[in-house]
Amino acid sequence: MNSAIIKGIGYYVPKNVVTNEDLSKIMDTSDEWITERTGIKERRWINNDESTSSMALEASKNAIQDADIEKSAIDFIIFATLSPDYYFPGPGVTLQKELGLDTIGALDVRNQCSGFVYALSIADQYIKTGMYQNILVVGSEYHSGGLDKTTKGRGVSVIFGDGAGAAIVSKSPSKERGILSTHLHAQGEHAEELTLIGPSTRRWVPQIIDGAGKDDDAIYPYMNGTFVFKHAVTRFPEVINEALKKNDLNAEDIDLLIPHQANLRISQFVQKKMGLTDSQVFNNIQKYGNTTAASIPIALAEAKQAGLVSQGDLICLAAFGSGFTWASALIRW
């Protein structure tokens, strides 16, 4: 059976930087308030000429360049997002068109914060079975257009940013390198603890026409922050340890853990619980906020550019979020 490797990684974030000070001018908040609760100092919010798919396109171009392949070598696309350009069709086909690819398949994944790891897991299985040779895996999110940017919505709106990350997943040239294992979980009983109730098919066209929801909080994302934090700091170590146990490894064997960038306080809690050093954990939420499905590939790409990822390193990716869903991937780089 083949082994799958991340052959190339790239990212794109909008040029528009929104600092905590900027937010303090439009809502009752401050740099101190946001930093203390989230660790975030700034985030990127797109301008009107950008979209989920346009960011994905730029990230994909960078990943293709990093992989040193021709884009025509890509034979499948997996696109993870909670913020597609259209309700349907999904963004995978839009990206296919913008890249100028032929009739290759395009799959959309809706697993929110853990979406990239879920997508990576699917790509891993396709490569292992020999069905595809080079898969483009993308996470891209446009949050800023759907946030309540008032004092009422500050608990959520200060957290999220826009951006995209992409990876080329290919057959590994060596049995010693590649994706060692992936681990996926879900707990739907907590679906409404981190959710967007409307618009949806439960609040569909008749309600939209009637103007229902205009002054309704349900049109904005809802998060039970304390509840989510409590579950995240439990599930992160569980799923990381699951991956390590599967491969007869220990936490000290990890060269770099890249967690989903949900909240710096969560990452720090998990780091302490796992007994990891600062050099073993990579965080960039301070600069970009929570970019959901894009956060792990953005962080992985930045870590590689910074020289923190080298051939032979043991890399662990882990995520937790809406659904609840959580996942991990252990990679020998």
C-alpha atoms as a PDB file:
ATOM      1  CA  MET A   1       0.000   0.000   0.000  1.00  0.00           C
ATOM      2  CA  ASN A   2       1.203   3.510  -0.831  1.00  0.00           C
ATOM      3  CA  SER A   3       2.109   6.086   1.788  1.00  0.00           C
ATOM      4  CA  ALA A   4       0.881   9.679   1.439  1.00  0.00           C
ATOM      5  CA  ILE A   5       3.052  12.731   1.995  1.00  0.00           C
ATOM      6  CA  ILE A   6       2.404  16.467   2.075  1.00  0.00           C
ATOM      7  CA  LYS A   7       4.540  17.377  -0.903  1.00  0.00           C
ATOM      8  CA  GLY A   8       3.774  21.089  -0.872  1.00  0.00           C
ATOM      9  CA  ILE A   9       2.097  23.593   1.442  1.00  0.00           C
ATOM     10  CA  GLY A  10       1.013  27.199   0.925  1.00  0.00           C
ATOM     11  CA  TYR A  11      -1.240  29.886   2.310  1.00  0.00           C
ATOM     12  CA  TYR A  12      -2.829  33.232   1.601  1.00  0.00           C
ATOM     13  CA  VAL A  13      -4.203  35.899   3.935  1.00  0.00           C
ATOM     14  CA  PRO A  14      -5.807  39.217   2.935  1.00  0.00           C
ATOM     15  CA  LYS A  15      -3.688  42.342   3.113  1.00  0.00           C
ATOM     16  CA  ASN A  16      -6.294  44.137   5.240  1.00  0.00           C
ATOM     17  CA  VAL A  17      -5.078  43.961   8.860  1.00  0.00           C
ATOM     18  CA  VAL A  18      -7.648  44.601  11.595  1.00  0.00           C
ATOM     19  CA  THR A  19      -6.074  45.214  14.998  1.00  0.00           C
ATOM     20  CA  ASN A  20      -7.681  45.045  18.414  1.00  0.00           C
ATOM     21  CA  GLU A  21      -7.432  48.831  18.521  1.00  0.00           C
ATOM     22  CA  ASP A  22      -9.427  48.993  15.273  1.00  0.00           C
ATOM     23  CA  LEU A  23     -12.191  46.901  16.847  1.00  0.00           C
ATOM     24  CA  SER A  24     -12.260  49.108  19.935  1.00  0.00           C
ATOM     25  CA  LYS A  25     -13.472  51.937  17.668  1.00  0.00           C
ATOM     26  CA  ILE A  26     -16.597  50.043  16.575  1.00  0.00           C
ATOM     27  CA  MET A  27     -17.488  48.112  19.739  1.00  0.00           C
ATOM     28  CA  ASP A  28     -16.943  48.260  23.480  1.00  0.00           C
ATOM     29  CA  THR A  29     -13.701  46.307  23.708  1.00  0.00           C
ATOM     30  CA  SER A  30      -9.983  46.848  24.104  1.00  0.00           C
ATOM     31  CA  ASP A  31      -6.665  45.273  23.208  1.00  0.00           C
ATOM     32  CA  GLU A  32      -6.292  44.140  26.830  1.00  0.00           C
ATOM     33  CA  TRP A  33      -9.774  42.527  26.896  1.00  0.00           C
ATOM     34  CA  ILE A  34      -9.243  40.586  23.661  1.00  0.00           C
ATOM     35  CA  THR A  35      -5.639  39.588  24.381  1.00  0.00           C
ATOM     36  CA  GLU A  36      -6.450  38.314  27.865  1.00  0.00           C
ATOM     37  CA  ARG A  37      -9.296  36.098  26.629  1.00  0.00           C
ATOM     38  CA  THR A  38      -7.966  34.893  23.289  1.00  0.00           C
ATOM     39  CA  GLY A  39      -4.306  35.835  22.797  1.00  0.00           C
ATOM     40  CA  ILE A  40      -5.260  37.514  19.512  1.00  0.00           C
ATOM     41  CA  LYS A  41      -3.662  40.865  18.607  1.00  0.00           C
ATOM     42  CA  GLU A  42      -4.871  41.210  15.004  1.00  0.00           C
ATOM     43  CA  ARG A  43      -6.643  39.374  12.217  1.00  0.00           C
ATOM     44  CA  ARG A  44      -7.145  39.713   8.447  1.00  0.00           C
ATOM     45  CA  TRP A  45     -10.544  40.646   6.992  1.00  0.00           C
ATOM     46  CA  ILE A  46     -11.045  40.570   3.236  1.00  0.00           C
ATOM     47  CA  ASN A  47     -12.004  43.471   1.030  1.00  0.00           C
ATOM     48  CA  ASN A  48     -15.011  43.335  -1.278  1.00  0.00           C
ATOM     49  CA  ASP A  49     -13.038  41.994  -4.252  1.00  0.00           C
ATOM     50  CA  GLU A  50     -12.034  38.780  -2.440  1.00  0.00           C
ATOM     51  CA  SER A  51     -13.897  35.595  -1.542  1.00  0.00           C
ATOM     52  CA  THR A  52     -13.443  32.142  -0.048  1.00  0.00           C
ATOM     53  CA  SER A  53     -12.585  30.758  -3.496  1.00  0.00           C
ATOM     54  CA  SER A  54     -10.252  33.594  -4.491  1.00  0.00           C
ATOM     55  CA  MET A  55      -8.214  33.126  -1.312  1.00  0.00           C
ATOM     56  CA  ALA A  56      -8.170  29.364  -1.923  1.00  0.00           C
ATOM     57  CA  LEU A  57      -6.857  29.979  -5.431  1.00  0.00           C
ATOM     58  CA  GLU A  58      -3.880  31.989  -4.168  1.00  0.00           C
ATOM     59  CA  ALA A  59      -3.092  29.470  -1.428  1.00  0.00           C
ATOM     60  CA  SER A  60      -3.317  26.638  -3.972  1.00  0.00           C
ATOM     61  CA  LYS A  61      -0.904  28.362  -6.353  1.00  0.00           C
ATOM     62  CA  ASN A  62       1.594  28.694  -3.507  1.00  0.00           C
ATOM     63  CA  ALA A  63       1.192  25.026  -2.541  1.00  0.00           C
ATOM     64  CA  ILE A  64       1.650  23.905  -6.147  1.00  0.00           C
ATOM     65  CA  GLN A  65       4.819  25.983  -6.402  1.00  0.00           C
ATOM     66  CA  ASP A  66       6.113  24.580  -3.110  1.00  0.00           C
ATOM     67  CA  ALA A  67       5.435  21.029  -4.340  1.00  0.00           C
ATOM     68  CA  ASP A  68       7.288  21.788  -7.579  1.00  0.00           C
ATOM     69  CA  ILE A  69       4.661  20.143  -9.762  1.00  0.00           C
ATOM     70  CA  GLU A  70       2.603  21.286 -12.713  1.00  0.00           C
ATOM     71  CA  LYS A  71      -0.999  22.063 -11.813  1.00  0.00           C
ATOM     72  CA  SER A  72      -2.061  19.592 -14.498  1.00  0.00           C
ATOM     73  CA  ALA A  73      -0.649  16.829 -12.281  1.00  0.00           C
ATOM     74  CA  ILE A  74      -3.458  17.398  -9.753  1.00  0.00           C
ATOM     75  CA  ASP A  75      -6.094  14.706 -10.178  1.00  0.00           C
ATOM     76  CA  PHE A  76      -8.509  15.494  -7.313  1.00  0.00           C
ATOM     77  CA  ILE A  77      -9.568  18.436  -5.134  1.00  0.00           C
ATOM     78  CA  ILE A  78     -10.825  18.334  -1.539  1.00  0.00           C
ATOM     79  CA  PHE A  79     -12.080  21.696  -0.265  1.00  0.00           C
ATOM     80  CA  ALA A  80     -12.879  22.246   3.429  1.00  0.00           C
ATOM     81  CA  THR A  81     -14.891  25.317   4.452  1.00  0.00           C
ATOM     82  CA  LEU A  82     -17.900  26.529   6.428  1.00  0.00           C
ATOM     83  CA  SER A  83     -18.147  29.667   4.278  1.00  0.00           C
ATOM     84  CA  PRO A  84     -18.564  28.651   0.613  1.00  0.00           C
ATOM     85  CA  ASP A  85     -19.147  31.285  -2.059  1.00  0.00           C
ATOM     86  CA  TYR A  86     -22.578  29.812  -2.796  1.00  0.00           C
ATOM     87  CA  TYR A  87     -25.039  27.650  -0.884  1.00  0.00           C
ATOM     88  CA  PHE A  88     -24.530  25.365  -3.873  1.00  0.00           C
ATOM     89  CA  PRO A  89     -22.509  24.355  -5.797  1.00  0.00           C
ATOM     90  CA  GLY A  90     -19.602  23.891  -3.420  1.00  0.00           C
ATOM     91  CA  PRO A  91     -16.306  25.770  -3.796  1.00  0.00           C
ATOM     92  CA  GLY A  92     -14.338  22.763  -5.036  1.00  0.00           C
ATOM     93  CA  VAL A  93     -15.703  23.154  -8.544  1.00  0.00           C
ATOM     94  CA  THR A  94     -15.110  26.918  -8.468  1.00  0.00           C
ATOM     95  CA  LEU A  95     -11.472  26.340  -7.561  1.00  0.00           C
ATOM     96  CA  GLN A  96     -11.207  23.719 -10.303  1.00  0.00           C
ATOM     97  CA  LYS A  97     -12.410  26.283 -12.843  1.00  0.00           C
ATOM     98  CA  GLU A  98     -10.114  29.063 -11.573  1.00  0.00           C
ATOM     99  CA  LEU A  99      -7.091  26.759 -11.701  1.00  0.00           C
ATOM    100  CA  GLY A 100      -7.983  25.815 -15.273  1.00  0.00           C
ATOM    101  CA  LEU A 101      -8.071  22.093 -14.515  1.00  0.00           C
ATOM    102  CA  ASP A 102     -10.035  19.581 -16.547  1.00  0.00           C
ATOM    103  CA  THR A 103     -12.854  17.327 -15.349  1.00  0.00           C
ATOM    104  CA  ILE A 104     -11.124  16.012 -12.221  1.00  0.00           C
ATOM    105  CA  GLY A 105     -13.343  15.368  -9.211  1.00  0.00           C
ATOM    106  CA  ALA A 106     -13.946  17.988  -6.523  1.00  0.00           C
ATOM    107  CA  LEU A 107     -15.172  17.101  -3.033  1.00  0.00           C
ATOM    108  CA  ASP A 108     -16.392  19.568  -0.395  1.00  0.00           C
ATOM    109  CA  VAL A 109     -15.940  18.933   3.334  1.00  0.00           C
ATOM    110  CA  ARG A 110     -18.087  20.644   5.979  1.00  0.00           C
ATOM    111  CA  ASN A 111     -16.366  19.873   9.261  1.00  0.00           C
ATOM    112  CA  GLN A 112     -15.572  23.428  10.267  1.00  0.00           C
ATOM    113  CA  CYS A 113     -12.559  23.722  12.607  1.00  0.00           C
ATOM    114  CA  SER A 114     -11.438  20.138  12.026  1.00  0.00           C
ATOM    115  CA  GLY A 115     -12.245  20.327   8.304  1.00  0.00           C
ATOM    116  CA  PHE A 116      -8.660  20.367   7.059  1.00  0.00           C
ATOM    117  CA  VAL A 117      -7.657  17.300   9.086  1.00  0.00           C
ATOM    118  CA  TYR A 118     -10.793  15.473   7.924  1.00  0.00           C
ATOM    119  CA  ALA A 119      -9.940  16.421   4.324  1.00  0.00           C
ATOM    120  CA  LEU A 120      -6.330  15.342   4.807  1.00  0.00           C
ATOM    121  CA  SER A 121      -7.552  11.989   6.119  1.00  0.00           C
ATOM    122  CA  ILE A 122      -9.651  11.447   2.989  1.00  0.00           C
ATOM    123  CA  ALA A 123      -6.718  12.385   0.758  1.00  0.00           C
ATOM    124  CA  ASP A 124      -4.481   9.996   2.684  1.00  0.00           C
ATOM    125  CA  GLN A 125      -6.832   7.082   2.000  1.00  0.00           C
ATOM    126  CA  TYR A 126      -7.158   7.915  -1.708  1.00  0.00           C
ATOM    127  CA  ILE A 127      -3.379   8.026  -2.092  1.00  0.00           C
ATOM    128  CA  LYS A 128      -2.878   4.815  -0.123  1.00  0.00           C
ATOM    129  CA  THR A 129      -5.279   2.901  -2.345  1.00  0.00           C
ATOM    130  CA  GLY A 130      -3.704   4.311  -5.504  1.00  0.00           C
ATOM    131  CA  MET A 131      -6.908   5.962  -6.687  1.00  0.00           C
ATOM    132  CA  TYR A 132      -5.202   9.365  -7.085  1.00  0.00           C
ATOM    133  CA  GLN A 133      -1.604  10.563  -7.357  1.00  0.00           C
ATOM    134  CA  ASN A 134      -1.676  14.265  -6.415  1.00  0.00           C
ATOM    135  CA  ILE A 135      -4.564  15.686  -4.390  1.00  0.00           C
ATOM    136  CA  LEU A 136      -5.084  19.382  -3.687  1.00  0.00           C
ATOM    137  CA  VAL A 137      -6.414  19.768  -0.131  1.00  0.00           C
ATOM    138  CA  VAL A 138      -7.684  23.235   0.767  1.00  0.00           C
ATOM    139  CA  GLY A 139      -9.075  25.029   3.804  1.00  0.00           C
ATOM    140  CA  SER A 140     -10.424  28.523   3.182  1.00  0.00           C
ATOM    141  CA  GLU A 141     -12.705  30.777   5.223  1.00  0.00           C
ATOM    142  CA  TYR A 142     -14.434  34.135   4.844  1.00  0.00           C
ATOM    143  CA  HIS A 143     -15.774  34.907   8.319  1.00  0.00           C
ATOM    144  CA  SER A 144     -15.768  38.684   8.460  1.00  0.00           C
ATOM    145  CA  GLY A 145     -18.866  39.213   6.309  1.00  0.00           C
ATOM    146  CA  GLY A 146     -21.061  37.230   8.693  1.00  0.00           C
ATOM    147  CA  LEU A 147     -20.060  38.620  12.086  1.00  0.00           C
ATOM    148  CA  ASP A 148     -21.993  40.872  14.446  1.00  0.00           C
ATOM    149  CA  LYS A 149     -19.497  43.719  14.687  1.00  0.00           C
ATOM    150  CA  THR A 150     -21.205  45.426  17.603  1.00  0.00           C
ATOM    151  CA  THR A 151     -20.673  45.242  21.344  1.00  0.00           C
ATOM    152  CA  LYS A 152     -23.431  42.632  21.489  1.00  0.00           C
ATOM    153  CA  GLY A 153     -21.471  40.270  19.242  1.00  0.00           C
ATOM    154  CA  ARG A 154     -17.947  40.984  20.453  1.00  0.00           C
ATOM    155  CA  GLY A 155     -17.540  37.616  22.218  1.00  0.00           C
ATOM    156  CA  VAL A 156     -17.445  35.922  18.812  1.00  0.00           C
ATOM    157  CA  SER A 157     -16.560  38.619  16.305  1.00  0.00           C
ATOM    158  CA  VAL A 158     -13.165  39.514  17.816  1.00  0.00           C
ATOM    159  CA  ILE A 159     -11.994  35.914  17.405  1.00  0.00           C
ATOM    160  CA  PHE A 160     -12.429  35.177  13.709  1.00  0.00           C
ATOM    161  CA  GLY A 161     -10.318  36.074  10.701  1.00  0.00           C
ATOM    162  CA  ASP A 162     -10.226  35.320   6.980  1.00  0.00           C
ATOM    163  CA  GLY A 163      -7.615  33.278   5.124  1.00  0.00           C
ATOM    164  CA  ALA A 164      -6.755  30.128   3.206  1.00  0.00           C
ATOM    165  CA  GLY A 165      -4.244  27.303   3.304  1.00  0.00           C
ATOM    166  CA  ALA A 166      -3.582  24.479   0.842  1.00  0.00           C
ATOM    167  CA  ALA A 167      -1.538  21.310   0.565  1.00  0.00           C
ATOM    168  CA  ILE A 168      -0.533  18.942  -2.207  1.00  0.00           C
ATOM    169  CA  VAL A 169      -0.862  15.372  -0.928  1.00  0.00           C
ATOM    170  CA  SER A 170       1.040  12.841  -3.036  1.00  0.00           C
ATOM    171  CA  LYS A 171       2.529   9.371  -2.957  1.00  0.00           C
ATOM    172  CA  SER A 172       5.532   9.298  -0.650  1.00  0.00           C
ATOM    173  CA  PRO A 173       8.916   8.531  -2.230  1.00  0.00           C
ATOM    174  CA  SER A 174       9.881   6.645   0.939  1.00  0.00           C
ATOM    175  CA  LYS A 175       8.141   4.235   3.298  1.00  0.00           C
ATOM    176  CA  GLU A 176       9.843   6.078   6.155  1.00  0.00           C
ATOM    177  CA  ARG A 177       8.017   9.332   5.394  1.00  0.00           C
ATOM    178  CA  GLY A 178       4.375  10.293   5.129  1.00  0.00           C
ATOM    179  CA  ILE A 179       1.081  10.430   7.001  1.00  0.00           C
ATOM    180  CA  LEU A 180       1.350   7.772   9.700  1.00  0.00           C
ATOM    181  CA  SER A 181      -2.295   7.848  10.797  1.00  0.00           C
ATOM    182  CA  THR A 182      -5.366  10.061  11.105  1.00  0.00           C
ATOM    183  CA  HIS A 183      -8.073   9.947  13.767  1.00  0.00           C
ATOM    184  CA  LEU A 184     -11.573  11.420  13.394  1.00  0.00           C
ATOM    185  CA  HIS A 185     -14.323  11.910  15.980  1.00  0.00           C
ATOM    186  CA  ALA A 186     -17.678  13.644  16.392  1.00  0.00           C
ATOM    187  CA  GLN A 187     -20.261  14.292  19.117  1.00  0.00           C
ATOM    188  CA  GLY A 188     -23.417  15.678  17.540  1.00  0.00           C
ATOM    189  CA  GLU A 189     -25.264  16.072  20.838  1.00  0.00           C
ATOM    190  CA  HIS A 190     -23.327  19.323  21.280  1.00  0.00           C
ATOM    191  CA  ALA A 191     -24.041  20.683  17.794  1.00  0.00           C
ATOM    192  CA  GLU A 192     -25.845  23.788  19.033  1.00  0.00           C
ATOM    193  CA  GLU A 193     -23.073  24.869  21.420  1.00  0.00           C
ATOM    194  CA  LEU A 194     -21.102  26.306  18.477  1.00  0.00           C
ATOM    195  CA  THR A 195     -23.356  26.946  15.518  1.00  0.00           C
ATOM    196  CA  LEU A 196     -24.983  29.201  12.959  1.00  0.00           C
ATOM    197  CA  ILE A 197     -28.723  28.505  13.136  1.00  0.00           C
ATOM    198  CA  GLY A 198     -29.738  30.765  10.298  1.00  0.00           C
ATOM    199  CA  PRO A 199     -29.750  31.222   7.389  1.00  0.00           C
ATOM    200  CA  SER A 200     -30.391  27.537   6.825  1.00  0.00           C
ATOM    201  CA  THR A 201     -33.055  25.288   5.365  1.00  0.00           C
ATOM    202  CA  ARG A 202     -34.784  25.506   8.746  1.00  0.00           C
ATOM    203  CA  ARG A 203     -35.025  29.278   8.230  1.00  0.00           C
ATOM    204  CA  TRP A 204     -35.373  29.148   4.480  1.00  0.00           C
ATOM    205  CA  VAL A 205     -36.676  31.202   1.557  1.00  0.00           C
ATOM    206  CA  PRO A 206     -40.186  32.008   2.896  1.00  0.00           C
ATOM    207  CA  GLN A 207     -38.717  33.345   6.138  1.00  0.00           C
ATOM    208  CA  ILE A 208     -36.041  35.288   4.299  1.00  0.00           C
ATOM    209  CA  ILE A 209     -38.655  36.885   2.016  1.00  0.00           C
ATOM    210  CA  ASP A 210     -40.763  37.819   5.052  1.00  0.00           C
ATOM    211  CA  GLY A 211     -37.736  39.444   6.644  1.00  0.00           C
ATOM    212  CA  ALA A 212     -37.619  37.010   9.526  1.00  0.00           C
ATOM    213  CA  GLY A 213     -34.359  37.084  11.396  1.00  0.00           C
ATOM    214  CA  LYS A 214     -33.512  40.707  10.622  1.00  0.00           C
ATOM    215  CA  ASP A 215     -33.206  41.510  14.312  1.00  0.00           C
ATOM    216  CA  ASP A 216     -32.600  37.932  15.397  1.00  0.00           C
ATOM    217  CA  ASP A 217     -29.319  36.798  16.964  1.00  0.00           C
ATOM    218  CA  ALA A 218     -29.617  33.480  15.102  1.00  0.00           C
ATOM    219  CA  ILE A 219     -28.356  35.105  11.899  1.00  0.00           C
ATOM    220  CA  TYR A 220     -24.938  35.357  13.567  1.00  0.00           C
ATOM    221  CA  PRO A 221     -22.644  32.586  14.850  1.00  0.00           C
ATOM    222  CA  TYR A 222     -23.304  31.457  18.422  1.00  0.00           C
ATOM    223  CA  MET A 223     -20.662  30.013  20.732  1.00  0.00           C
ATOM    224  CA  ASN A 224     -21.003  28.804  24.300  1.00  0.00           C
ATOM    225  CA  GLY A 225     -17.417  29.775  25.023  1.00  0.00           C
ATOM    226  CA  THR A 226     -16.975  28.178  28.444  1.00  0.00           C
ATOM    227  CA  PHE A 227     -18.554  24.915  27.287  1.00  0.00           C
ATOM    228  CA  VAL A 228     -16.431  24.786  24.140  1.00  0.00           C
ATOM    229  CA  PHE A 229     -13.231  25.521  26.091  1.00  0.00           C
ATOM    230  CA  LYS A 230     -13.985  22.756  28.603  1.00  0.00           C
ATOM    231  CA  HIS A 231     -14.461  20.148  25.870  1.00  0.00           C
ATOM    232  CA  ALA A 232     -11.576  21.380  23.696  1.00  0.00           C
ATOM    233  CA  VAL A 233      -8.949  21.023  26.430  1.00  0.00           C
ATOM    234  CA  THR A 234     -10.162  17.455  26.998  1.00  0.00           C
ATOM    235  CA  ARG A 235     -10.489  16.307  23.383  1.00  0.00           C
ATOM    236  CA  PHE A 236      -7.217  17.813  22.122  1.00  0.00           C
ATOM    237  CA  PRO A 237      -4.955  15.707  24.376  1.00  0.00           C
ATOM    238  CA  GLU A 238      -7.166  12.637  23.841  1.00  0.00           C
ATOM    239  CA  VAL A 239      -6.892  12.686  20.077  1.00  0.00           C
ATOM    240  CA  ILE A 240      -3.174  13.560  20.125  1.00  0.00           C
ATOM    241  CA  ASN A 241      -2.460  10.679  22.485  1.00  0.00           C
ATOM    242  CA  GLU A 242      -4.601   8.405  20.314  1.00  0.00           C
ATOM    243  CA  ALA A 243      -2.320   9.127  17.365  1.00  0.00           C
ATOM    244  CA  LEU A 244       0.830   8.646  19.419  1.00  0.00           C
ATOM    245  CA  LYS A 245      -0.383   5.351  20.878  1.00  0.00           C
ATOM    246  CA  LYS A 246      -1.346   4.073  17.436  1.00  0.00           C
ATOM    247  CA  ASN A 247       2.246   4.579  16.306  1.00  0.00           C
ATOM    248  CA  ASP A 248       4.024   3.509  19.527  1.00  0.00           C
ATOM    249  CA  LEU A 249       5.298   7.032  20.162  1.00  0.00           C
ATOM    250  CA  ASN A 250       5.265   9.471  23.082  1.00  0.00           C
ATOM    251  CA  ALA A 251       4.688  13.205  23.459  1.00  0.00           C
ATOM    252  CA  GLU A 252       8.430  13.843  23.720  1.00  0.00           C
ATOM    253  CA  ASP A 253       8.802  12.354  20.216  1.00  0.00           C
ATOM    254  CA  ILE A 254       6.773  15.209  18.691  1.00  0.00           C
ATOM    255  CA  ASP A 255       8.985  17.727  16.925  1.00  0.00           C
ATOM    256  CA  LEU A 256       6.122  20.110  16.244  1.00  0.00           C
ATOM    257  CA  LEU A 257       2.464  20.177  17.260  1.00  0.00           C
ATOM    258  CA  ILE A 258       0.285  22.421  15.120  1.00  0.00           C
ATOM    259  CA  PRO A 259      -3.098  22.775  16.802  1.00  0.00           C
ATOM    260  CA  HIS A 260      -6.128  24.398  15.257  1.00  0.00           C
ATOM    261  CA  GLN A 261      -5.813  28.065  16.118  1.00  0.00           C
ATOM    262  CA  ALA A 262      -9.033  28.498  18.101  1.00  0.00           C
ATOM    263  CA  ASN A 263      -7.784  30.316  21.175  1.00  0.00           C
ATOM    264  CA  LEU A 264      -4.241  30.775  22.439  1.00  0.00           C
ATOM    265  CA  ARG A 265      -5.412  29.874  25.952  1.00  0.00           C
ATOM    266  CA  ILE A 266      -6.606  26.479  24.702  1.00  0.00           C
ATOM    267  CA  SER A 267      -3.276  25.816  22.974  1.00  0.00           C
ATOM    268  CA  GLN A 268      -1.343  26.795  26.084  1.00  0.00           C
ATOM    269  CA  PHE A 269      -3.532  24.588  28.288  1.00  0.00           C
ATOM    270  CA  VAL A 270      -3.035  21.614  25.960  1.00  0.00           C
ATOM    271  CA  GLN A 271       0.717  22.234  25.768  1.00  0.00           C
ATOM    272  CA  LYS A 272       0.985  22.192  29.558  1.00  0.00           C
ATOM    273  CA  LYS A 273      -1.220  19.097  29.879  1.00  0.00           C
ATOM    274  CA  MET A 274       0.856  17.240  27.272  1.00  0.00           C
ATOM    275  CA  GLY A 275       4.141  18.328  28.841  1.00  0.00           C
ATOM    276  CA  LEU A 276       5.374  19.945  25.620  1.00  0.00           C
ATOM    277  CA  THR A 277       7.971  22.703  25.396  1.00  0.00           C
ATOM    278  CA  ASP A 278       7.463  26.021  23.620  1.00  0.00           C
ATOM    279  CA  SER A 279       9.641  24.786  20.748  1.00  0.00           C
ATOM    280  CA  GLN A 280       7.306  21.812  20.227  1.00  0.00           C
ATOM    281  CA  VAL A 281       4.165  23.896  19.638  1.00  0.00           C
ATOM    282  CA  PHE A 282       3.466  26.404  16.866  1.00  0.00           C
ATOM    283  CA  ASN A 283       0.883  29.161  17.296  1.00  0.00           C
ATOM    284  CA  ASN A 284       0.075  32.072  14.994  1.00  0.00           C
ATOM    285  CA  ILE A 285      -3.437  32.967  16.176  1.00  0.00           C
ATOM    286  CA  GLN A 286      -1.928  36.199  17.504  1.00  0.00           C
ATOM    287  CA  LYS A 287      -1.648  37.443  13.901  1.00  0.00           C
ATOM    288  CA  TYR A 288      -4.622  35.847  12.157  1.00  0.00           C
ATOM    289  CA  GLY A 289      -7.301  34.971  14.688  1.00  0.00           C
ATOM    290  CA  ASN A 290      -9.325  31.803  14.221  1.00  0.00           C
ATOM    291  CA  THR A 291      -9.533  30.972  10.511  1.00  0.00           C
ATOM    292  CA  THR A 292     -11.372  27.669  11.107  1.00  0.00           C
ATOM    293  CA  ALA A 293     -10.564  25.128   8.341  1.00  0.00           C
ATOM    294  CA  ALA A 294      -7.722  27.339   7.111  1.00  0.00           C
ATOM    295  CA  SER A 295      -5.900  27.655  10.433  1.00  0.00           C
ATOM    296  CA  ILE A 296      -3.850  24.445  10.401  1.00  0.00           C
ATOM    297  CA  PRO A 297      -2.575  24.712   6.801  1.00  0.00           C
ATOM    298  CA  ILE A 298      -1.758  28.413   7.298  1.00  0.00           C
ATOM    299  CA  ALA A 299       0.198  27.568  10.445  1.00  0.00           C
ATOM    300  CA  LEU A 300       1.921  24.584   8.831  1.00  0.00           C
ATOM    301  CA  ALA A 301       2.970  26.688   5.852  1.00  0.00           C
ATOM    302  CA  GLU A 302       4.328  29.446   8.099  1.00  0.00           C
ATOM    303  CA  ALA A 303       6.166  26.945  10.273  1.00  0.00           C
ATOM    304  CA  LYS A 304       7.811  25.420   7.208  1.00  0.00           C
ATOM    305  CA  GLN A 305       8.799  28.844   5.880  1.00  0.00           C
ATOM    306  CA  ALA A 306      10.326  29.654   9.270  1.00  0.00           C
ATOM    307  CA  GLY A 307      12.513  26.551   9.072  1.00  0.00           C
ATOM    308  CA  LEU A 308      10.663  24.793  11.899  1.00  0.00           C
ATOM    309  CA  VAL A 309       9.766  21.764   9.766  1.00  0.00           C
ATOM    310  CA  SER A 310      12.504  19.532   8.412  1.00  0.00           C
ATOM    311  CA  GLN A 311      12.590  16.167   6.683  1.00  0.00           C
ATOM    312  CA  GLY A 312      12.232  13.371   9.201  1.00  0.00           C
ATOM    313  CA  ASP A 313      10.442  15.518  11.795  1.00  0.00           C
ATOM    314  CA  LEU A 314       7.386  14.130  13.561  1.00  0.00           C
ATOM    315  CA  ILE A 315       4.553  16.598  13.002  1.00  0.00           C
ATOM    316  CA  CYS A 316       1.208  16.362  14.770  1.00  0.00           C
ATOM    317  CA  LEU A 317      -1.882  18.225  13.572  1.00  0.00           C
ATOM    318  CA  ALA A 318      -4.894  18.424  15.890  1.00  0.00           C
ATOM    319  CA  ALA A 319      -8.232  20.215  15.780  1.00  0.00           C
ATOM    320  CA  PHE A 320     -11.464  20.615  17.721  1.00  0.00           C
ATOM    321  CA  GLY A 321     -14.548  22.647  16.922  1.00  0.00           C
ATOM    322  CA  SER A 322     -18.161  22.933  15.867  1.00  0.00           C
ATOM    323  CA  GLY A 323     -20.085  19.690  15.637  1.00  0.00           C
ATOM    324  CA  PHE A 324     -18.473  18.887  17.972  1.00  0.00           C
ATOM    325  CA  THR A 325     -15.848  17.312  15.744  1.00  0.00           C
ATOM    326  CA  TRP A 326     -12.200  16.718  16.526  1.00  0.00           C
ATOM    327  CA  ALA A 327      -9.324  15.048  14.737  1.00  0.00           C
ATOM    328  CA  SER A 328      -5.589  14.474  14.585  1.00  0.00           C
ATOM    329  CA  ALA A 329      -2.967  13.492  12.043  1.00  0.00           C
ATOM    330  CA  LEU A 330       0.537  12.257  12.755  1.00  0.00           C
ATOM    331  CA  ILE A 331       3.064  12.851   9.977  1.00  0.00           C
ATOM    332  CA  ARG A 332       6.688  11.849   9.448  1.00  0.00           C
ATOM    333  CA  TRP A 333       7.787  14.797   7.322  1.00  0.00           C
END
